[in-house]
Amino acid sequence: YDMFPMVFGFAVNIKTTAGHNPAG
């Protein structure tokens, strides 16, 4: 961790084959 001069936030997108939100 100390070797990185800059640290950023990130986003995770999870793509499923559910077809609609309740199943996902």
mmCIF file of all heavy atoms, coordinates in Angstrom:
data_MODEL
# 
_entry.id   MODEL 
# 
loop_
_atom_site.group_PDB 
_atom_site.id 
_atom_site.type_symbol 
_atom_site.label_atom_id 
_atom_site.label_alt_id 
_atom_site.label_comp_id 
_atom_site.label_asym_id 
_atom_site.label_entity_id 
_atom_site.label_seq_id 
_atom_site.pdbx_PDB_ins_code 
_atom_site.Cartn_x 
_atom_site.Cartn_y 
_atom_site.Cartn_z 
_atom_site.occupancy 
_atom_site.B_iso_or_equiv 
_atom_site.pdbx_formal_charge 
_atom_site.auth_seq_id 
_atom_site.auth_comp_id 
_atom_site.auth_asym_id 
_atom_site.auth_atom_id 
_atom_site.pdbx_PDB_model_num 
ATOM 1   N N   . TYR A 1 1  ? 0.822   -1.214  0.000   1.00 0.00 ? 1  TYR A N   1 
ATOM 2   C CA  . TYR A 1 1  ? 0.000   0.000   0.000   1.00 0.00 ? 1  TYR A CA  1 
ATOM 3   C C   . TYR A 1 1  ? 0.856   1.263   0.000   1.00 0.00 ? 1  TYR A C   1 
ATOM 4   O O   . TYR A 1 1  ? 0.533   2.245   -0.670  1.00 0.00 ? 1  TYR A O   1 
ATOM 5   C CB  . TYR A 1 1  ? -0.938  -0.024  1.210   1.00 0.00 ? 1  TYR A CB  1 
ATOM 6   C CG  . TYR A 1 1  ? -1.928  1.119   1.232   1.00 0.00 ? 1  TYR A CG  1 
ATOM 7   C CD1 . TYR A 1 1  ? -3.101  1.050   0.493   1.00 0.00 ? 1  TYR A CD1 1 
ATOM 8   C CD2 . TYR A 1 1  ? -1.693  2.250   2.000   1.00 0.00 ? 1  TYR A CD2 1 
ATOM 9   C CE1 . TYR A 1 1  ? -4.021  2.085   0.497   1.00 0.00 ? 1  TYR A CE1 1 
ATOM 10  C CE2 . TYR A 1 1  ? -2.603  3.297   2.022   1.00 0.00 ? 1  TYR A CE2 1 
ATOM 11  C CZ  . TYR A 1 1  ? -3.756  3.208   1.271   1.00 0.00 ? 1  TYR A CZ  1 
ATOM 12  O OH  . TYR A 1 1  ? -4.668  4.249   1.275   1.00 0.00 ? 1  TYR A OH  1 
ATOM 13  N N   . ASP A 1 2  ? 1.966   1.252   0.739   1.00 0.00 ? 2  ASP A N   1 
ATOM 14  C CA  . ASP A 1 2  ? 2.818   2.438   0.839   1.00 0.00 ? 2  ASP A CA  1 
ATOM 15  C C   . ASP A 1 2  ? 3.613   2.701   -0.433  1.00 0.00 ? 2  ASP A C   1 
ATOM 16  O O   . ASP A 1 2  ? 4.204   3.785   -0.573  1.00 0.00 ? 2  ASP A O   1 
ATOM 17  C CB  . ASP A 1 2  ? 3.781   2.284   2.014   1.00 0.00 ? 2  ASP A CB  1 
ATOM 18  C CG  . ASP A 1 2  ? 3.052   2.231   3.348   1.00 0.00 ? 2  ASP A CG  1 
ATOM 19  O OD1 . ASP A 1 2  ? 1.928   2.769   3.408   1.00 0.00 ? 2  ASP A OD1 1 
ATOM 20  O OD2 . ASP A 1 2  ? 3.587   1.639   4.300   1.00 0.00 ? 2  ASP A OD2 1 
ATOM 21  N N   . MET A 1 3  ? 3.640   1.777   -1.348  1.00 0.00 ? 3  MET A N   1 
ATOM 22  C CA  . MET A 1 3  ? 4.390   1.956   -2.582  1.00 0.00 ? 3  MET A CA  1 
ATOM 23  C C   . MET A 1 3  ? 3.619   2.746   -3.634  1.00 0.00 ? 3  MET A C   1 
ATOM 24  O O   . MET A 1 3  ? 4.205   3.149   -4.650  1.00 0.00 ? 3  MET A O   1 
ATOM 25  C CB  . MET A 1 3  ? 4.787   0.594   -3.166  1.00 0.00 ? 3  MET A CB  1 
ATOM 26  C CG  . MET A 1 3  ? 5.665   -0.239  -2.256  1.00 0.00 ? 3  MET A CG  1 
ATOM 27  S SD  . MET A 1 3  ? 5.977   -1.897  -2.894  1.00 0.00 ? 3  MET A SD  1 
ATOM 28  C CE  . MET A 1 3  ? 6.801   -1.519  -4.443  1.00 0.00 ? 3  MET A CE  1 
ATOM 29  N N   . PHE A 1 4  ? 2.323   2.976   -3.407  1.00 0.00 ? 4  PHE A N   1 
ATOM 30  C CA  . PHE A 1 4  ? 1.505   3.686   -4.379  1.00 0.00 ? 4  PHE A CA  1 
ATOM 31  C C   . PHE A 1 4  ? 1.438   5.166   -4.004  1.00 0.00 ? 4  PHE A C   1 
ATOM 32  O O   . PHE A 1 4  ? 0.976   5.510   -2.903  1.00 0.00 ? 4  PHE A O   1 
ATOM 33  C CB  . PHE A 1 4  ? 0.096   3.099   -4.424  1.00 0.00 ? 4  PHE A CB  1 
ATOM 34  C CG  . PHE A 1 4  ? 0.031   1.744   -5.061  1.00 0.00 ? 4  PHE A CG  1 
ATOM 35  C CD1 . PHE A 1 4  ? 0.256   0.603   -4.310  1.00 0.00 ? 4  PHE A CD1 1 
ATOM 36  C CD2 . PHE A 1 4  ? -0.236  1.609   -6.403  1.00 0.00 ? 4  PHE A CD2 1 
ATOM 37  C CE1 . PHE A 1 4  ? 0.209   -0.654  -4.890  1.00 0.00 ? 4  PHE A CE1 1 
ATOM 38  C CE2 . PHE A 1 4  ? -0.292  0.371   -7.003  1.00 0.00 ? 4  PHE A CE2 1 
ATOM 39  C CZ  . PHE A 1 4  ? -0.064  -0.768  -6.243  1.00 0.00 ? 4  PHE A CZ  1 
ATOM 40  N N   . PRO A 1 5  ? 1.875   6.056   -4.872  1.00 0.00 ? 5  PRO A N   1 
ATOM 41  C CA  . PRO A 1 5  ? 1.834   7.488   -4.539  1.00 0.00 ? 5  PRO A CA  1 
ATOM 42  C C   . PRO A 1 5  ? 0.423   8.044   -4.497  1.00 0.00 ? 5  PRO A C   1 
ATOM 43  O O   . PRO A 1 5  ? 0.166   9.014   -3.786  1.00 0.00 ? 5  PRO A O   1 
ATOM 44  C CB  . PRO A 1 5  ? 2.647   8.130   -5.664  1.00 0.00 ? 5  PRO A CB  1 
ATOM 45  C CG  . PRO A 1 5  ? 2.548   7.178   -6.801  1.00 0.00 ? 5  PRO A CG  1 
ATOM 46  C CD  . PRO A 1 5  ? 2.479   5.808   -6.185  1.00 0.00 ? 5  PRO A CD  1 
ATOM 47  N N   . MET A 1 6  ? -0.512  7.449   -5.238  1.00 0.00 ? 6  MET A N   1 
ATOM 48  C CA  . MET A 1 6  ? -1.891  7.921   -5.285  1.00 0.00 ? 6  MET A CA  1 
ATOM 49  C C   . MET A 1 6  ? -2.814  6.715   -5.184  1.00 0.00 ? 6  MET A C   1 
ATOM 50  O O   . MET A 1 6  ? -2.546  5.662   -5.765  1.00 0.00 ? 6  MET A O   1 
ATOM 51  C CB  . MET A 1 6  ? -2.176  8.689   -6.582  1.00 0.00 ? 6  MET A CB  1 
ATOM 52  C CG  . MET A 1 6  ? -1.246  9.854   -6.835  1.00 0.00 ? 6  MET A CG  1 
ATOM 53  S SD  . MET A 1 6  ? -1.649  10.752  -8.336  1.00 0.00 ? 6  MET A SD  1 
ATOM 54  C CE  . MET A 1 6  ? -3.179  11.536  -7.819  1.00 0.00 ? 6  MET A CE  1 
ATOM 55  N N   . VAL A 1 7  ? -3.893  6.883   -4.423  1.00 0.00 ? 7  VAL A N   1 
ATOM 56  C CA  . VAL A 1 7  ? -4.886  5.827   -4.238  1.00 0.00 ? 7  VAL A CA  1 
ATOM 57  C C   . VAL A 1 7  ? -6.248  6.382   -4.638  1.00 0.00 ? 7  VAL A C   1 
ATOM 58  O O   . VAL A 1 7  ? -6.606  7.502   -4.249  1.00 0.00 ? 7  VAL A O   1 
ATOM 59  C CB  . VAL A 1 7  ? -4.920  5.322   -2.780  1.00 0.00 ? 7  VAL A CB  1 
ATOM 60  C CG1 . VAL A 1 7  ? -5.950  4.216   -2.626  1.00 0.00 ? 7  VAL A CG1 1 
ATOM 61  C CG2 . VAL A 1 7  ? -3.547  4.822   -2.367  1.00 0.00 ? 7  VAL A CG2 1 
ATOM 62  N N   . PHE A 1 8  ? -6.994  5.621   -5.387  1.00 0.00 ? 8  PHE A N   1 
ATOM 63  C CA  . PHE A 1 8  ? -8.263  6.089   -5.934  1.00 0.00 ? 8  PHE A CA  1 
ATOM 64  C C   . PHE A 1 8  ? -9.403  5.194   -5.457  1.00 0.00 ? 8  PHE A C   1 
ATOM 65  O O   . PHE A 1 8  ? -9.205  4.045   -5.045  1.00 0.00 ? 8  PHE A O   1 
ATOM 66  C CB  . PHE A 1 8  ? -8.235  6.074   -7.469  1.00 0.00 ? 8  PHE A CB  1 
ATOM 67  C CG  . PHE A 1 8  ? -7.069  6.798   -8.065  1.00 0.00 ? 8  PHE A CG  1 
ATOM 68  C CD1 . PHE A 1 8  ? -5.912  6.111   -8.421  1.00 0.00 ? 8  PHE A CD1 1 
ATOM 69  C CD2 . PHE A 1 8  ? -7.108  8.166   -8.267  1.00 0.00 ? 8  PHE A CD2 1 
ATOM 70  C CE1 . PHE A 1 8  ? -4.838  6.764   -8.977  1.00 0.00 ? 8  PHE A CE1 1 
ATOM 71  C CE2 . PHE A 1 8  ? -6.036  8.835   -8.817  1.00 0.00 ? 8  PHE A CE2 1 
ATOM 72  C CZ  . PHE A 1 8  ? -4.899  8.141   -9.168  1.00 0.00 ? 8  PHE A CZ  1 
ATOM 73  N N   . GLY A 1 9  ? -10.614 5.736   -5.531  1.00 0.00 ? 9  GLY A N   1 
ATOM 74  C CA  . GLY A 1 9  ? -11.799 4.919   -5.352  1.00 0.00 ? 9  GLY A CA  1 
ATOM 75  C C   . GLY A 1 9  ? -12.085 4.115   -6.613  1.00 0.00 ? 9  GLY A C   1 
ATOM 76  O O   . GLY A 1 9  ? -11.542 4.388   -7.684  1.00 0.00 ? 9  GLY A O   1 
ATOM 77  N N   . PHE A 1 10 ? -12.946 3.134   -6.488  1.00 0.00 ? 10 PHE A N   1 
ATOM 78  C CA  . PHE A 1 10 ? -13.223 2.262   -7.618  1.00 0.00 ? 10 PHE A CA  1 
ATOM 79  C C   . PHE A 1 10 ? -14.692 1.853   -7.611  1.00 0.00 ? 10 PHE A C   1 
ATOM 80  O O   . PHE A 1 10 ? -15.399 2.006   -6.600  1.00 0.00 ? 10 PHE A O   1 
ATOM 81  C CB  . PHE A 1 10 ? -12.330 1.017   -7.589  1.00 0.00 ? 10 PHE A CB  1 
ATOM 82  C CG  . PHE A 1 10 ? -12.567 0.119   -6.403  1.00 0.00 ? 10 PHE A CG  1 
ATOM 83  C CD1 . PHE A 1 10 ? -13.339 -1.027  -6.524  1.00 0.00 ? 10 PHE A CD1 1 
ATOM 84  C CD2 . PHE A 1 10 ? -12.005 0.415   -5.174  1.00 0.00 ? 10 PHE A CD2 1 
ATOM 85  C CE1 . PHE A 1 10 ? -13.555 -1.855  -5.435  1.00 0.00 ? 10 PHE A CE1 1 
ATOM 86  C CE2 . PHE A 1 10 ? -12.212 -0.407  -4.072  1.00 0.00 ? 10 PHE A CE2 1 
ATOM 87  C CZ  . PHE A 1 10 ? -12.998 -1.537  -4.207  1.00 0.00 ? 10 PHE A CZ  1 
ATOM 88  N N   . ALA A 1 11 ? -15.148 1.353   -8.732  1.00 0.00 ? 11 ALA A N   1 
ATOM 89  C CA  . ALA A 1 11 ? -16.518 0.891   -8.893  1.00 0.00 ? 11 ALA A CA  1 
ATOM 90  C C   . ALA A 1 11 ? -16.501 -0.524  -9.445  1.00 0.00 ? 11 ALA A C   1 
ATOM 91  O O   . ALA A 1 11 ? -15.640 -0.871  -10.270 1.00 0.00 ? 11 ALA A O   1 
ATOM 92  C CB  . ALA A 1 11 ? -17.312 1.817   -9.812  1.00 0.00 ? 11 ALA A CB  1 
ATOM 93  N N   . VAL A 1 12 ? -17.449 -1.323  -8.996  1.00 0.00 ? 12 VAL A N   1 
ATOM 94  C CA  . VAL A 1 12 ? -17.560 -2.718  -9.414  1.00 0.00 ? 12 VAL A CA  1 
ATOM 95  C C   . VAL A 1 12 ? -18.936 -2.912  -10.047 1.00 0.00 ? 12 VAL A C   1 
ATOM 96  O O   . VAL A 1 12 ? -19.957 -2.686  -9.393  1.00 0.00 ? 12 VAL A O   1 
ATOM 97  C CB  . VAL A 1 12 ? -17.377 -3.683  -8.227  1.00 0.00 ? 12 VAL A CB  1 
ATOM 98  C CG1 . VAL A 1 12 ? -17.501 -5.130  -8.687  1.00 0.00 ? 12 VAL A CG1 1 
ATOM 99  C CG2 . VAL A 1 12 ? -16.038 -3.447  -7.548  1.00 0.00 ? 12 VAL A CG2 1 
ATOM 100 N N   . ASN A 1 13 ? -18.955 -3.299  -11.300 1.00 0.00 ? 13 ASN A N   1 
ATOM 101 C CA  . ASN A 1 13 ? -20.204 -3.582  -12.011 1.00 0.00 ? 13 ASN A CA  1 
ATOM 102 C C   . ASN A 1 13 ? -20.342 -5.086  -12.168 1.00 0.00 ? 13 ASN A C   1 
ATOM 103 O O   . ASN A 1 13 ? -19.468 -5.742  -12.748 1.00 0.00 ? 13 ASN A O   1 
ATOM 104 C CB  . ASN A 1 13 ? -20.223 -2.894  -13.379 1.00 0.00 ? 13 ASN A CB  1 
ATOM 105 C CG  . ASN A 1 13 ? -21.479 -3.203  -14.167 1.00 0.00 ? 13 ASN A CG  1 
ATOM 106 O OD1 . ASN A 1 13 ? -21.485 -4.073  -15.032 1.00 0.00 ? 13 ASN A OD1 1 
ATOM 107 N ND2 . ASN A 1 13 ? -22.563 -2.511  -13.871 1.00 0.00 ? 13 ASN A ND2 1 
ATOM 108 N N   . ILE A 1 14 ? -21.446 -5.622  -11.655 1.00 0.00 ? 14 ILE A N   1 
ATOM 109 C CA  . ILE A 1 14 ? -21.706 -7.059  -11.702 1.00 0.00 ? 14 ILE A CA  1 
ATOM 110 C C   . ILE A 1 14 ? -22.821 -7.292  -12.717 1.00 0.00 ? 14 ILE A C   1 
ATOM 111 O O   . ILE A 1 14 ? -23.964 -6.898  -12.483 1.00 0.00 ? 14 ILE A O   1 
ATOM 112 C CB  . ILE A 1 14 ? -22.093 -7.604  -10.316 1.00 0.00 ? 14 ILE A CB  1 
ATOM 113 C CG1 . ILE A 1 14 ? -21.016 -7.258  -9.291  1.00 0.00 ? 14 ILE A CG1 1 
ATOM 114 C CG2 . ILE A 1 14 ? -22.308 -9.112  -10.369 1.00 0.00 ? 14 ILE A CG2 1 
ATOM 115 C CD1 . ILE A 1 14 ? -21.376 -7.647  -7.873  1.00 0.00 ? 14 ILE A CD1 1 
ATOM 116 N N   . LYS A 1 15 ? -22.490 -7.929  -13.816 1.00 0.00 ? 15 LYS A N   1 
ATOM 117 C CA  . LYS A 1 15 ? -23.458 -8.216  -14.868 1.00 0.00 ? 15 LYS A CA  1 
ATOM 118 C C   . LYS A 1 15 ? -23.923 -9.657  -14.748 1.00 0.00 ? 15 LYS A C   1 
ATOM 119 O O   . LYS A 1 15 ? -23.116 -10.582 -14.746 1.00 0.00 ? 15 LYS A O   1 
ATOM 120 C CB  . LYS A 1 15 ? -22.836 -7.979  -16.245 1.00 0.00 ? 15 LYS A CB  1 
ATOM 121 C CG  . LYS A 1 15 ? -23.808 -8.225  -17.392 1.00 0.00 ? 15 LYS A CG  1 
ATOM 122 C CD  . LYS A 1 15 ? -23.148 -8.017  -18.736 1.00 0.00 ? 15 LYS A CD  1 
ATOM 123 C CE  . LYS A 1 15 ? -24.119 -8.308  -19.872 1.00 0.00 ? 15 LYS A CE  1 
ATOM 124 N NZ  . LYS A 1 15 ? -23.466 -8.138  -21.203 1.00 0.00 ? 15 LYS A NZ  1 
ATOM 125 N N   . THR A 1 16 ? -25.238 -9.838  -14.631 1.00 0.00 ? 16 THR A N   1 
ATOM 126 C CA  . THR A 1 16 ? -25.820 -11.164 -14.508 1.00 0.00 ? 16 THR A CA  1 
ATOM 127 C C   . THR A 1 16 ? -26.741 -11.440 -15.694 1.00 0.00 ? 16 THR A C   1 
ATOM 128 O O   . THR A 1 16 ? -27.081 -10.543 -16.463 1.00 0.00 ? 16 THR A O   1 
ATOM 129 C CB  . THR A 1 16 ? -26.616 -11.289 -13.199 1.00 0.00 ? 16 THR A CB  1 
ATOM 130 O OG1 . THR A 1 16 ? -27.785 -10.445 -13.267 1.00 0.00 ? 16 THR A OG1 1 
ATOM 131 C CG2 . THR A 1 16 ? -25.782 -10.862 -12.005 1.00 0.00 ? 16 THR A CG2 1 
ATOM 132 N N   . THR A 1 17 ? -27.154 -12.675 -15.811 1.00 0.00 ? 17 THR A N   1 
ATOM 133 C CA  . THR A 1 17 ? -28.091 -13.084 -16.860 1.00 0.00 ? 17 THR A CA  1 
ATOM 134 C C   . THR A 1 17 ? -29.505 -13.218 -16.311 1.00 0.00 ? 17 THR A C   1 
ATOM 135 O O   . THR A 1 17 ? -30.319 -13.943 -16.891 1.00 0.00 ? 17 THR A O   1 
ATOM 136 C CB  . THR A 1 17 ? -27.643 -14.424 -17.462 1.00 0.00 ? 17 THR A CB  1 
ATOM 137 O OG1 . THR A 1 17 ? -27.619 -15.430 -16.430 1.00 0.00 ? 17 THR A OG1 1 
ATOM 138 C CG2 . THR A 1 17 ? -26.262 -14.310 -18.078 1.00 0.00 ? 17 THR A CG2 1 
ATOM 139 N N   . ALA A 1 18 ? -29.800 -12.509 -15.211 1.00 0.00 ? 18 ALA A N   1 
ATOM 140 C CA  . ALA A 1 18 ? -31.104 -12.674 -14.563 1.00 0.00 ? 18 ALA A CA  1 
ATOM 141 C C   . ALA A 1 18 ? -32.239 -12.143 -15.431 1.00 0.00 ? 18 ALA A C   1 
ATOM 142 O O   . ALA A 1 18 ? -33.309 -12.736 -15.497 1.00 0.00 ? 18 ALA A O   1 
ATOM 143 C CB  . ALA A 1 18 ? -31.102 -11.973 -13.206 1.00 0.00 ? 18 ALA A CB  1 
ATOM 144 N N   . GLY A 1 19 ? -32.057 -10.996 -16.062 1.00 0.00 ? 19 GLY A N   1 
ATOM 145 C CA  . GLY A 1 19 ? -33.104 -10.417 -16.899 1.00 0.00 ? 19 GLY A CA  1 
ATOM 146 C C   . GLY A 1 19 ? -33.950 -9.383  -16.189 1.00 0.00 ? 19 GLY A C   1 
ATOM 147 O O   . GLY A 1 19 ? -34.528 -8.514  -16.835 1.00 0.00 ? 19 GLY A O   1 
ATOM 148 N N   . HIS A 1 20 ? -34.055 -9.446  -14.865 1.00 0.00 ? 20 HIS A N   1 
ATOM 149 C CA  . HIS A 1 20 ? -34.773 -8.430  -14.104 1.00 0.00 ? 20 HIS A CA  1 
ATOM 150 C C   . HIS A 1 20 ? -34.177 -8.382  -12.698 1.00 0.00 ? 20 HIS A C   1 
ATOM 151 O O   . HIS A 1 20 ? -33.500 -9.310  -12.252 1.00 0.00 ? 20 HIS A O   1 
ATOM 152 C CB  . HIS A 1 20 ? -36.284 -8.699  -14.058 1.00 0.00 ? 20 HIS A CB  1 
ATOM 153 C CG  . HIS A 1 20 ? -36.649 -10.012 -13.446 1.00 0.00 ? 20 HIS A CG  1 
ATOM 154 N ND1 . HIS A 1 20 ? -36.268 -11.214 -14.000 1.00 0.00 ? 20 HIS A ND1 1 
ATOM 155 C CD2 . HIS A 1 20 ? -37.365 -10.320 -12.327 1.00 0.00 ? 20 HIS A CD2 1 
ATOM 156 C CE1 . HIS A 1 20 ? -36.738 -12.212 -13.255 1.00 0.00 ? 20 HIS A CE1 1 
ATOM 157 N NE2 . HIS A 1 20 ? -37.391 -11.695 -12.232 1.00 0.00 ? 20 HIS A NE2 1 
ATOM 158 N N   . ASN A 1 21 ? -34.448 -7.264  -12.002 1.00 0.00 ? 21 ASN A N   1 
ATOM 159 C CA  . ASN A 1 21 ? -33.779 -7.006  -10.726 1.00 0.00 ? 21 ASN A CA  1 
ATOM 160 C C   . ASN A 1 21 ? -34.089 -8.017  -9.625  1.00 0.00 ? 21 ASN A C   1 
ATOM 161 O O   . ASN A 1 21 ? -33.186 -8.380  -8.870  1.00 0.00 ? 21 ASN A O   1 
ATOM 162 C CB  . ASN A 1 21 ? -34.114 -5.591  -10.241 1.00 0.00 ? 21 ASN A CB  1 
ATOM 163 C CG  . ASN A 1 21 ? -33.374 -4.533  -11.036 1.00 0.00 ? 21 ASN A CG  1 
ATOM 164 O OD1 . ASN A 1 21 ? -32.419 -4.820  -11.740 1.00 0.00 ? 21 ASN A OD1 1 
ATOM 165 N ND2 . ASN A 1 21 ? -33.829 -3.291  -10.943 1.00 0.00 ? 21 ASN A ND2 1 
ATOM 166 N N   . PRO A 1 22 ? -35.342 -8.467  -9.435  1.00 0.00 ? 22 PRO A N   1 
ATOM 167 C CA  . PRO A 1 22 ? -35.573 -9.439  -8.348  1.00 0.00 ? 22 PRO A CA  1 
ATOM 168 C C   . PRO A 1 22 ? -34.738 -10.703 -8.473  1.00 0.00 ? 22 PRO A C   1 
ATOM 169 O O   . PRO A 1 22 ? -34.190 -11.199 -7.481  1.00 0.00 ? 22 PRO A O   1 
ATOM 170 C CB  . PRO A 1 22 ? -37.080 -9.729  -8.474  1.00 0.00 ? 22 PRO A CB  1 
ATOM 171 C CG  . PRO A 1 22 ? -37.651 -8.503  -9.085  1.00 0.00 ? 22 PRO A CG  1 
ATOM 172 C CD  . PRO A 1 22 ? -36.606 -8.013  -10.039 1.00 0.00 ? 22 PRO A CD  1 
ATOM 173 N N   . ALA A 1 23 ? -34.614 -11.238 -9.682  1.00 0.00 ? 23 ALA A N   1 
ATOM 174 C CA  . ALA A 1 23 ? -33.794 -12.432 -9.856  1.00 0.00 ? 23 ALA A CA  1 
ATOM 175 C C   . ALA A 1 23 ? -32.315 -12.124 -9.641  1.00 0.00 ? 23 ALA A C   1 
ATOM 176 O O   . ALA A 1 23 ? -31.569 -12.948 -9.098  1.00 0.00 ? 23 ALA A O   1 
ATOM 177 C CB  . ALA A 1 23 ? -34.015 -13.019 -11.246 1.00 0.00 ? 23 ALA A CB  1 
ATOM 178 N N   . GLY A 1 24 ? -31.873 -10.928 -10.045 1.00 0.00 ? 24 GLY A N   1 
ATOM 179 C CA  . GLY A 1 24 ? -30.489 -10.550 -9.796  1.00 0.00 ? 24 GLY A CA  1 
ATOM 180 C C   . GLY A 1 24 ? -30.194 -10.384 -8.318  1.00 0.00 ? 24 GLY A C   1 
ATOM 181 O O   . GLY A 1 24 ? -29.120 -10.786 -7.841  1.00 0.00 ? 24 GLY A O   1 
# 
